[in-house]
C-alpha atoms as a PDB file:
ATOM      1  CA  UNK A   1     124.986   4.417 -73.927  1.00  0.00           C
ATOM      2  CA  UNK A   2     122.507   3.695 -76.504  1.00  0.00           C
ATOM      3  CA  UNK A   3     120.509   6.766 -78.032  1.00  0.00           C
ATOM      4  CA  UNK A   4     117.809   6.837 -80.860  1.00  0.00           C
ATOM      5  CA  UNK A   5     117.055  10.259 -81.860  1.00  0.00           C
ATOM      6  CA  UNK A   6     114.355  11.313 -84.353  1.00  0.00           C
ATOM      7  CA  UNK A   7     113.678  14.240 -85.946  1.00  0.00           C
ATOM      8  CA  UNK A   8     111.546  15.553 -89.292  1.00  0.00           C
ATOM      9  CA  UNK A   9     107.717  15.415 -88.046  1.00  0.00           C
ATOM     10  CA  UNK A  10     105.238  18.240 -87.521  1.00  0.00           C
ATOM     11  CA  UNK A  11     102.353  19.732 -88.687  1.00  0.00           C
ATOM     12  CA  UNK A  12     101.401  18.450 -92.053  1.00  0.00           C
ATOM     13  CA  UNK A  13      97.756  18.714 -94.104  1.00  0.00           C
ATOM     14  CA  UNK A  14      96.402  15.469 -95.322  1.00  0.00           C
ATOM     15  CA  UNK A  15      97.110  14.739 -98.582  1.00  0.00           C
ATOM     16  CA  UNK A  16     101.123  16.590 -97.489  1.00  0.00           C
ATOM     17  CA  UNK A  17     104.021  14.017 -97.653  1.00  0.00           C
ATOM     18  CA  UNK A  18     106.773  13.658 -94.535  1.00  0.00           C
ATOM     19  CA  UNK A  19     109.985  12.069 -94.033  1.00  0.00           C
ATOM     20  CA  UNK A  20     111.343  10.668 -90.532  1.00  0.00           C
ATOM     21  CA  UNK A  21     114.881  10.538 -89.824  1.00  0.00           C
ATOM     22  CA  UNK A  22     116.210   7.998 -86.518  1.00  0.00           C
ATOM     23  CA  UNK A  23     119.962   8.445 -85.565  1.00  0.00           C
ATOM     24  CA  UNK A  24     121.364   6.111 -83.562  1.00  0.00           C
ATOM     25  CA  UNK A  25     124.611   6.313 -81.951  1.00  0.00           C
ATOM     26  CA  UNK A  26     125.697   3.682 -79.213  1.00  0.00           C
ATOM     27  CA  UNK A  27     124.969   0.975 -81.459  1.00  0.00           C
ATOM     28  CA  UNK A  28     126.084  -1.107 -83.780  1.00  0.00           C
ATOM     29  CA  UNK A  29     123.487  -0.101 -86.373  1.00  0.00           C
ATOM     30  CA  UNK A  30     123.480  -2.526 -88.918  1.00  0.00           C
ATOM     31  CA  UNK A  31     123.538  -4.956 -86.539  1.00  0.00           C
ATOM     32  CA  UNK A  32     119.677  -4.188 -85.787  1.00  0.00           C
ATOM     33  CA  UNK A  33     116.727  -5.061 -87.497  1.00  0.00           C
ATOM     34  CA  UNK A  34     114.138  -1.732 -86.570  1.00  0.00           C
ATOM     35  CA  UNK A  35     111.134  -0.401 -86.188  1.00  0.00           C
ATOM     36  CA  UNK A  36     108.834   2.442 -86.254  1.00  0.00           C
ATOM     37  CA  UNK A  37     106.008   2.636 -84.425  1.00  0.00           C
ATOM     38  CA  UNK A  38     103.714   5.244 -82.949  1.00  0.00           C
ATOM     39  CA  UNK A  39     101.065   6.572 -80.582  1.00  0.00           C
ATOM     40  CA  UNK A  40      98.129   8.018 -80.951  1.00  0.00           C
ATOM     41  CA  UNK A  41      96.366  10.109 -78.274  1.00  0.00           C
ATOM     42  CA  UNK A  42      94.471   7.926 -76.259  1.00  0.00           C
ATOM     43  CA  UNK A  43      95.153   5.107 -77.745  1.00  0.00           C
ATOM     44  CA  UNK A  44      97.705   2.224 -77.412  1.00  0.00           C
ATOM     45  CA  UNK A  45     101.259   2.208 -79.551  1.00  0.00           C
ATOM     46  CA  UNK A  46     100.683   0.447 -82.594  1.00  0.00           C
ATOM     47  CA  UNK A  47     103.658  -1.175 -85.486  1.00  0.00           C
ATOM     48  CA  UNK A  48     103.990   0.626 -88.862  1.00  0.00           C
ATOM     49  CA  UNK A  49     107.091  -0.834 -90.291  1.00  0.00           C
ATOM     50  CA  UNK A  50     110.350  -2.529 -89.478  1.00  0.00           C
ATOM     51  CA  UNK A  51     113.028  -2.799 -91.611  1.00  0.00           C
ATOM     52  CA  UNK A  52     116.171  -5.821 -90.689  1.00  0.00           C
ATOM     53  CA  UNK A  53     119.813  -4.953 -90.650  1.00  0.00           C
ATOM     54  CA  UNK A  54     120.598  -4.858 -94.607  1.00  0.00           C
ATOM     55  CA  UNK A  55     117.388  -2.766 -95.649  1.00  0.00           C
ATOM     56  CA  UNK A  56     116.276  -5.919 -97.982  1.00  0.00           C
ATOM     57  CA  UNK A  57     113.183  -7.583 -96.310  1.00  0.00           C
ATOM     58  CA  UNK A  58     110.278  -4.108 -95.221  1.00  0.00           C
ATOM     59  CA  UNK A  59     107.179  -4.821 -93.097  1.00  0.00           C
ATOM     60  CA  UNK A  60     104.233  -2.843 -93.089  1.00  0.00           C
ATOM     61  CA  UNK A  61     101.215  -1.785 -90.951  1.00  0.00           C
ATOM     62  CA  UNK A  62      98.315  -2.311 -93.460  1.00  0.00           C
ATOM     63  CA  UNK A  63      97.368   0.997 -92.487  1.00  0.00           C
ATOM     64  CA  UNK A  64      99.945   2.529 -93.687  1.00  0.00           C
ATOM     65  CA  UNK A  65     101.151  -0.208 -96.590  1.00  0.00           C
ATOM     66  CA  UNK A  66     101.362   2.023-100.418  1.00  0.00           C
ATOM     67  CA  UNK A  67     101.623   5.313 -98.921  1.00  0.00           C
ATOM     68  CA  UNK A  68     104.962   4.594 -96.172  1.00  0.00           C
ATOM     69  CA  UNK A  69     108.286   3.840 -96.959  1.00  0.00           C
ATOM     70  CA  UNK A  70     111.054   2.587 -94.499  1.00  0.00           C
ATOM     71  CA  UNK A  71     114.589   2.649 -95.056  1.00  0.00           C
ATOM     72  CA  UNK A  72     117.637   2.336 -93.827  1.00  0.00           C
ATOM     73  CA  UNK A  73     121.862   4.070 -94.121  1.00  0.00           C
ATOM     74  CA  UNK A  74     123.711   1.351 -92.146  1.00  0.00           C
ATOM     75  CA  UNK A  75     126.850   3.842 -93.076  1.00  0.00           C
ATOM     76  CA  UNK A  76     125.338   7.129 -91.200  1.00  0.00           C
ATOM     77  CA  UNK A  77     123.449   4.452 -88.686  1.00  0.00           C
ATOM     78  CA  UNK A  78     119.856   6.340 -89.711  1.00  0.00           C
ATOM     79  CA  UNK A  79     116.612   4.723 -90.582  1.00  0.00           C
ATOM     80  CA  UNK A  80     113.557   6.824 -92.685  1.00  0.00           C
ATOM     81  CA  UNK A  81     110.331   6.603 -92.821  1.00  0.00           C
ATOM     82  CA  UNK A  82     108.604   8.710 -95.621  1.00  0.00           C
ATOM     83  CA  UNK A  83     105.139   9.194 -95.283  1.00  0.00           C
ATOM     84  CA  UNK A  84     103.040  10.023 -97.967  1.00  0.00           C
ATOM     85  CA  UNK A  85      99.066  10.594 -98.339  1.00  0.00           C
ATOM     86  CA  UNK A  86      99.057  11.139 -94.965  1.00  0.00           C
ATOM     87  CA  UNK A  87      95.921  11.236 -93.706  1.00  0.00           C
ATOM     88  CA  UNK A  88      94.296  12.306 -90.271  1.00  0.00           C
ATOM     89  CA  UNK A  89      94.038   9.244 -88.737  1.00  0.00           C
ATOM     90  CA  UNK A  90      98.330   9.462 -89.018  1.00  0.00           C
ATOM     91  CA  UNK A  91      98.582  11.790 -86.278  1.00  0.00           C
ATOM     92  CA  UNK A  92     100.217  10.519 -83.896  1.00  0.00           C
ATOM     93  CA  UNK A  93     103.412  10.345 -81.689  1.00  0.00           C
ATOM     94  CA  UNK A  94     106.268   8.073 -83.858  1.00  0.00           C
ATOM     95  CA  UNK A  95     108.655   6.204 -82.217  1.00  0.00           C
ATOM     96  CA  UNK A  96     111.439   4.309 -83.581  1.00  0.00           C
ATOM     97  CA  UNK A  97     112.835   1.836 -82.467  1.00  0.00           C
ATOM     98  CA  UNK A  98     116.139  -1.273 -82.631  1.00  0.00           C
ATOM     99  CA  UNK A  99     115.636  -5.175 -82.448  1.00  0.00           C
ATOM    100  CA  UNK A 100     118.249  -7.618 -82.816  1.00  0.00           C
ATOM    101  CA  UNK A 101     116.019 -10.401 -82.919  1.00  0.00           C
ATOM    102  CA  UNK A 102     113.959 -10.608 -86.573  1.00  0.00           C
ATOM    103  CA  UNK A 103     112.548  -7.672 -87.815  1.00  0.00           C
ATOM    104  CA  UNK A 104     109.286  -8.322 -85.335  1.00  0.00           C
ATOM    105  CA  UNK A 105     106.145  -6.006 -85.253  1.00  0.00           C
ATOM    106  CA  UNK A 106     105.833  -6.684 -81.378  1.00  0.00           C
ATOM    107  CA  UNK A 107     106.921  -3.425 -79.508  1.00  0.00           C
ATOM    108  CA  UNK A 108     108.321  -6.335 -76.995  1.00  0.00           C
ATOM    109  CA  UNK A 109     110.506  -7.235 -78.887  1.00  0.00           C
ATOM    110  CA  UNK A 110     112.719  -4.250 -79.797  1.00  0.00           C
ATOM    111  CA  UNK A 111     115.246  -3.061 -76.413  1.00  0.00           C
ATOM    112  CA  UNK A 112     116.100   0.679 -77.862  1.00  0.00           C
ATOM    113  CA  UNK A 113     113.835   3.223 -77.781  1.00  0.00           C
ATOM    114  CA  UNK A 114     113.398   6.954 -79.562  1.00  0.00           C
ATOM    115  CA  UNK A 115     111.834   9.775 -77.230  1.00  0.00           C
ATOM    116  CA  UNK A 116     109.794  10.111 -79.926  1.00  0.00           C
ATOM    117  CA  UNK A 117     108.975  12.963 -82.879  1.00  0.00           C
ATOM    118  CA  UNK A 118     105.371  14.555 -83.125  1.00  0.00           C
ATOM    119  CA  UNK A 119     103.147  13.922 -86.529  1.00  0.00           C
ATOM    120  CA  UNK A 120     100.062  16.224 -86.690  1.00  0.00           C
ATOM    121  CA  UNK A 121      97.641  15.833 -90.074  1.00  0.00           C
ATOM    122  CA  UNK A 122      95.218  18.436 -90.393  1.00  0.00           C
ATOM    123  CA  UNK A 123      92.164  17.389 -92.453  1.00  0.00           C
END
């Protein structure tokens, strides 16, 4: 059974930093591209960042470029999202996802999803 479990969310103030983790099991982590998506209340799920299987290639939404950093540790089956200079519009549930395809911004390309972790940024 494939499981993706996000952690690290919480309530922070604008300008603070936070690191999310997503630990996987039941899949060959090192062969999967990993992505982070988020969904704010009343809005559609949107792409945040993605990383290829080796960690060499990373991709970011324009809204987070320069503030967020994605990374992975294939030995720990874990992908991370370091978030800095957080803003109120970063408030959302953050989901990690796994794909056997090349890293994509389209949620439909991802096969496996976690349950999400809430990030709330107060201004």
